[in-house]
Amino acid sequence: MLLNPAGKPSEIYGEIAIKSKHVALGYWQNTTRTTAAFSTNGGGPTVRIYRTGDMGRRLPDGRIKFEGRKDFQVKIRVSGLSFGEIEGRPLAAPECARKRGYRQSGSVGRKASGCLRHTPRKASVNQP
């Protein structure tokens, strides 16, 4: 299902949500994240809704197309990372010159891009 920013169902574009009696009760020992992502939203005590943080668009045939994230996270093998974490690693390497990372925001989702140019250091040769 798709939800608008107010958490109401949307037919065309919105946050992808999963509604089922089999959705988890929440994040393990993290009430802040649980409150933000999980709700019953009037579906009764056994039906839960999980807001994924992914944005989607409903296609004419009823399928949902992934359109990006609503926050600055990317999922890599189920782990959520922020763009800042990804940008920070190579940009902090002393061996790298001309480093740049940037974000683009558009009408549909957000994308991360960047470039990195590795400039090898000259090896110092110490001969006895």
C-alpha atoms as a PDB file:
ATOM      1  CA  MET A   1       0.000   0.000   0.000  1.00  0.00           C
ATOM      2  CA  LEU A   2       1.034   3.621  -0.444  1.00  0.00           C
ATOM      3  CA  LEU A   3       0.636   6.288   2.254  1.00  0.00           C
ATOM      4  CA  ASN A   4       0.669  10.073   1.978  1.00  0.00           C
ATOM      5  CA  PRO A   5       2.690  12.158   4.506  1.00  0.00           C
ATOM      6  CA  ALA A   6      -0.300  12.188   6.878  1.00  0.00           C
ATOM      7  CA  GLY A   7      -0.369   8.360   6.899  1.00  0.00           C
ATOM      8  CA  LYS A   8      -3.548   8.090   4.841  1.00  0.00           C
ATOM      9  CA  PRO A   9      -3.793   5.691   1.860  1.00  0.00           C
ATOM     10  CA  SER A  10      -2.745   7.148  -1.484  1.00  0.00           C
ATOM     11  CA  GLU A  11      -3.631   5.695  -4.867  1.00  0.00           C
ATOM     12  CA  ILE A  12      -0.824   7.117  -7.028  1.00  0.00           C
ATOM     13  CA  TYR A  13       2.332   8.102  -5.077  1.00  0.00           C
ATOM     14  CA  GLY A  14       3.504   7.777  -1.484  1.00  0.00           C
ATOM     15  CA  GLU A  15       5.519   5.911   1.095  1.00  0.00           C
ATOM     16  CA  ILE A  16       5.464   2.144   0.630  1.00  0.00           C
ATOM     17  CA  ALA A  17       3.863   0.442   3.632  1.00  0.00           C
ATOM     18  CA  ILE A  18       3.129  -3.165   4.500  1.00  0.00           C
ATOM     19  CA  LYS A  19      -0.180  -3.951   6.178  1.00  0.00           C
ATOM     20  CA  SER A  20      -0.555  -7.434   7.662  1.00  0.00           C
ATOM     21  CA  LYS A  21      -1.209  -9.352  10.842  1.00  0.00           C
ATOM     22  CA  HIS A  22       2.271 -10.843  10.303  1.00  0.00           C
ATOM     23  CA  VAL A  23       4.190  -7.526  10.559  1.00  0.00           C
ATOM     24  CA  ALA A  24       6.609  -7.393  13.505  1.00  0.00           C
ATOM     25  CA  LEU A  25       5.641  -5.619  16.697  1.00  0.00           C
ATOM     26  CA  GLY A  26       8.491  -3.141  16.281  1.00  0.00           C
ATOM     27  CA  TYR A  27      12.240  -2.644  16.463  1.00  0.00           C
ATOM     28  CA  TRP A  28      14.008  -4.558  19.230  1.00  0.00           C
ATOM     29  CA  GLN A  29      14.411  -2.266  22.256  1.00  0.00           C
ATOM     30  CA  ASN A  30      14.004   0.923  20.194  1.00  0.00           C
ATOM     31  CA  THR A  31      10.707   2.613  21.002  1.00  0.00           C
ATOM     32  CA  THR A  32      11.531   5.795  19.060  1.00  0.00           C
ATOM     33  CA  ARG A  33      11.991   3.983  15.740  1.00  0.00           C
ATOM     34  CA  THR A  34       9.057   1.671  16.508  1.00  0.00           C
ATOM     35  CA  THR A  35       6.689   4.596  17.079  1.00  0.00           C
ATOM     36  CA  ALA A  36       7.789   6.236  13.811  1.00  0.00           C
ATOM     37  CA  ALA A  37       7.510   3.138  11.606  1.00  0.00           C
ATOM     38  CA  PHE A  38       4.835   0.838  13.090  1.00  0.00           C
ATOM     39  CA  SER A  39       1.153   1.449  13.776  1.00  0.00           C
ATOM     40  CA  THR A  40      -2.225  -0.243  13.822  1.00  0.00           C
ATOM     41  CA  ASN A  41      -3.867   2.771  12.132  1.00  0.00           C
ATOM     42  CA  GLY A  42      -7.394   1.606  12.838  1.00  0.00           C
ATOM     43  CA  GLY A  43      -6.825  -1.903  11.475  1.00  0.00           C
ATOM     44  CA  GLY A  44      -7.504  -3.545  14.810  1.00  0.00           C
ATOM     45  CA  PRO A  45      -5.005  -4.909  17.326  1.00  0.00           C
ATOM     46  CA  THR A  46      -3.892  -7.810  15.101  1.00  0.00           C
ATOM     47  CA  VAL A  47      -3.319  -5.843  11.870  1.00  0.00           C
ATOM     48  CA  ARG A  48      -0.170  -3.740  11.856  1.00  0.00           C
ATOM     49  CA  ILE A  49       1.289  -1.291   9.328  1.00  0.00           C
ATOM     50  CA  TYR A  50       5.019  -0.920   8.741  1.00  0.00           C
ATOM     51  CA  ARG A  51       6.201   2.251   6.973  1.00  0.00           C
ATOM     52  CA  THR A  52       9.333   1.236   5.023  1.00  0.00           C
ATOM     53  CA  GLY A  53      10.754   4.703   4.300  1.00  0.00           C
ATOM     54  CA  ASP A  54      10.746   3.826   0.592  1.00  0.00           C
ATOM     55  CA  MET A  55       8.733   5.943  -1.829  1.00  0.00           C
ATOM     56  CA  GLY A  56       6.735   4.345  -4.600  1.00  0.00           C
ATOM     57  CA  ARG A  57       4.438   5.037  -7.534  1.00  0.00           C
ATOM     58  CA  ARG A  58       1.531   2.796  -8.529  1.00  0.00           C
ATOM     59  CA  LEU A  59       1.749   1.675 -12.148  1.00  0.00           C
ATOM     60  CA  PRO A  60      -1.345   1.311 -14.356  1.00  0.00           C
ATOM     61  CA  ASP A  61      -1.269  -2.483 -13.920  1.00  0.00           C
ATOM     62  CA  GLY A  62      -1.358  -2.136 -10.090  1.00  0.00           C
ATOM     63  CA  ARG A  63       2.285  -2.901  -9.368  1.00  0.00           C
ATOM     64  CA  ILE A  64       4.312  -0.464  -7.258  1.00  0.00           C
ATOM     65  CA  LYS A  65       7.535   0.998  -8.642  1.00  0.00           C
ATOM     66  CA  PHE A  66      10.289   1.992  -6.202  1.00  0.00           C
ATOM     67  CA  GLU A  67      11.057   5.719  -6.603  1.00  0.00           C
ATOM     68  CA  GLY A  68      13.659   6.347  -3.880  1.00  0.00           C
ATOM     69  CA  ARG A  69      13.908   6.957  -0.148  1.00  0.00           C
ATOM     70  CA  LYS A  70      12.120   9.621   1.886  1.00  0.00           C
ATOM     71  CA  ASP A  71      15.247  10.091   3.995  1.00  0.00           C
ATOM     72  CA  PHE A  72      18.964  10.062   3.252  1.00  0.00           C
ATOM     73  CA  GLN A  73      19.411   6.311   3.705  1.00  0.00           C
ATOM     74  CA  VAL A  74      20.321   3.627   1.236  1.00  0.00           C
ATOM     75  CA  LYS A  75      19.891  -0.084   1.868  1.00  0.00           C
ATOM     76  CA  ILE A  76      22.849  -2.350   1.247  1.00  0.00           C
ATOM     77  CA  ARG A  77      22.257  -5.987   2.149  1.00  0.00           C
ATOM     78  CA  VAL A  78      19.427  -4.977   4.517  1.00  0.00           C
ATOM     79  CA  SER A  79      21.611  -2.529   6.480  1.00  0.00           C
ATOM     80  CA  GLY A  80      20.550   1.108   6.396  1.00  0.00           C
ATOM     81  CA  LEU A  81      23.335   3.598   5.771  1.00  0.00           C
ATOM     82  CA  SER A  82      23.128   7.338   5.401  1.00  0.00           C
ATOM     83  CA  PHE A  83      24.703   9.093   2.435  1.00  0.00           C
ATOM     84  CA  GLY A  84      26.956  10.923   4.881  1.00  0.00           C
ATOM     85  CA  GLU A  85      28.427   7.640   6.120  1.00  0.00           C
ATOM     86  CA  ILE A  86      29.120   6.535   2.554  1.00  0.00           C
ATOM     87  CA  GLU A  87      30.554   9.896   1.501  1.00  0.00           C
ATOM     88  CA  GLY A  88      32.676  10.251   4.606  1.00  0.00           C
ATOM     89  CA  ARG A  89      34.810   7.124   4.226  1.00  0.00           C
ATOM     90  CA  PRO A  90      36.547   7.773   0.907  1.00  0.00           C
ATOM     91  CA  LEU A  91      36.577  11.521   1.422  1.00  0.00           C
ATOM     92  CA  ALA A  92      38.596  11.084   4.616  1.00  0.00           C
ATOM     93  CA  ALA A  93      41.300   8.935   2.978  1.00  0.00           C
ATOM     94  CA  PRO A  94      44.595  10.857   2.782  1.00  0.00           C
ATOM     95  CA  GLU A  95      45.591   9.051  -0.440  1.00  0.00           C
ATOM     96  CA  CYS A  96      42.712  10.554  -2.361  1.00  0.00           C
ATOM     97  CA  ALA A  97      42.778  13.876  -4.158  1.00  0.00           C
ATOM     98  CA  ARG A  98      39.932  15.776  -5.800  1.00  0.00           C
ATOM     99  CA  LYS A  99      37.188  14.275  -3.688  1.00  0.00           C
ATOM    100  CA  ARG A 100      33.571  15.228  -4.022  1.00  0.00           C
ATOM    101  CA  GLY A 101      30.227  13.813  -2.994  1.00  0.00           C
ATOM    102  CA  TYR A 102      26.858  15.370  -3.631  1.00  0.00           C
ATOM    103  CA  ARG A 103      23.150  14.740  -3.370  1.00  0.00           C
ATOM    104  CA  GLN A 104      20.446  15.520  -5.856  1.00  0.00           C
ATOM    105  CA  SER A 105      16.844  16.065  -4.847  1.00  0.00           C
ATOM    106  CA  GLY A 106      14.162  15.956  -7.448  1.00  0.00           C
ATOM    107  CA  SER A 107      10.420  15.700  -7.618  1.00  0.00           C
ATOM    108  CA  VAL A 108      10.734  11.922  -7.336  1.00  0.00           C
ATOM    109  CA  GLY A 109      13.035  10.697  -4.557  1.00  0.00           C
ATOM    110  CA  ARG A 110      16.651  11.499  -3.857  1.00  0.00           C
ATOM    111  CA  LYS A 111      19.816  10.192  -5.458  1.00  0.00           C
ATOM    112  CA  ALA A 112      23.438  10.146  -4.334  1.00  0.00           C
ATOM    113  CA  SER A 113      26.291  10.612  -6.700  1.00  0.00           C
ATOM    114  CA  GLY A 114      29.923  11.344  -6.365  1.00  0.00           C
ATOM    115  CA  CYS A 115      33.314  11.040  -7.856  1.00  0.00           C
ATOM    116  CA  LEU A 116      36.631  10.093  -6.425  1.00  0.00           C
ATOM    117  CA  ARG A 117      40.021  10.402  -8.033  1.00  0.00           C
ATOM    118  CA  HIS A 118      42.844   8.415  -6.530  1.00  0.00           C
ATOM    119  CA  THR A 119      46.259  10.016  -6.862  1.00  0.00           C
ATOM    120  CA  PRO A 120      48.976   7.627  -5.685  1.00  0.00           C
ATOM    121  CA  ARG A 121      51.709   9.095  -3.561  1.00  0.00           C
ATOM    122  CA  LYS A 122      55.254   8.911  -4.794  1.00  0.00           C
ATOM    123  CA  ALA A 123      57.061   6.142  -3.024  1.00  0.00           C
ATOM    124  CA  SER A 124      60.073   7.196  -1.065  1.00  0.00           C
ATOM    125  CA  VAL A 125      63.041   4.939  -1.537  1.00  0.00           C
ATOM    126  CA  ASN A 126      65.532   4.832   1.284  1.00  0.00           C
ATOM    127  CA  GLN A 127      68.682   3.034   0.335  1.00  0.00           C
ATOM    128  CA  PRO A 128      71.442   2.433   2.862  1.00  0.00           C
END
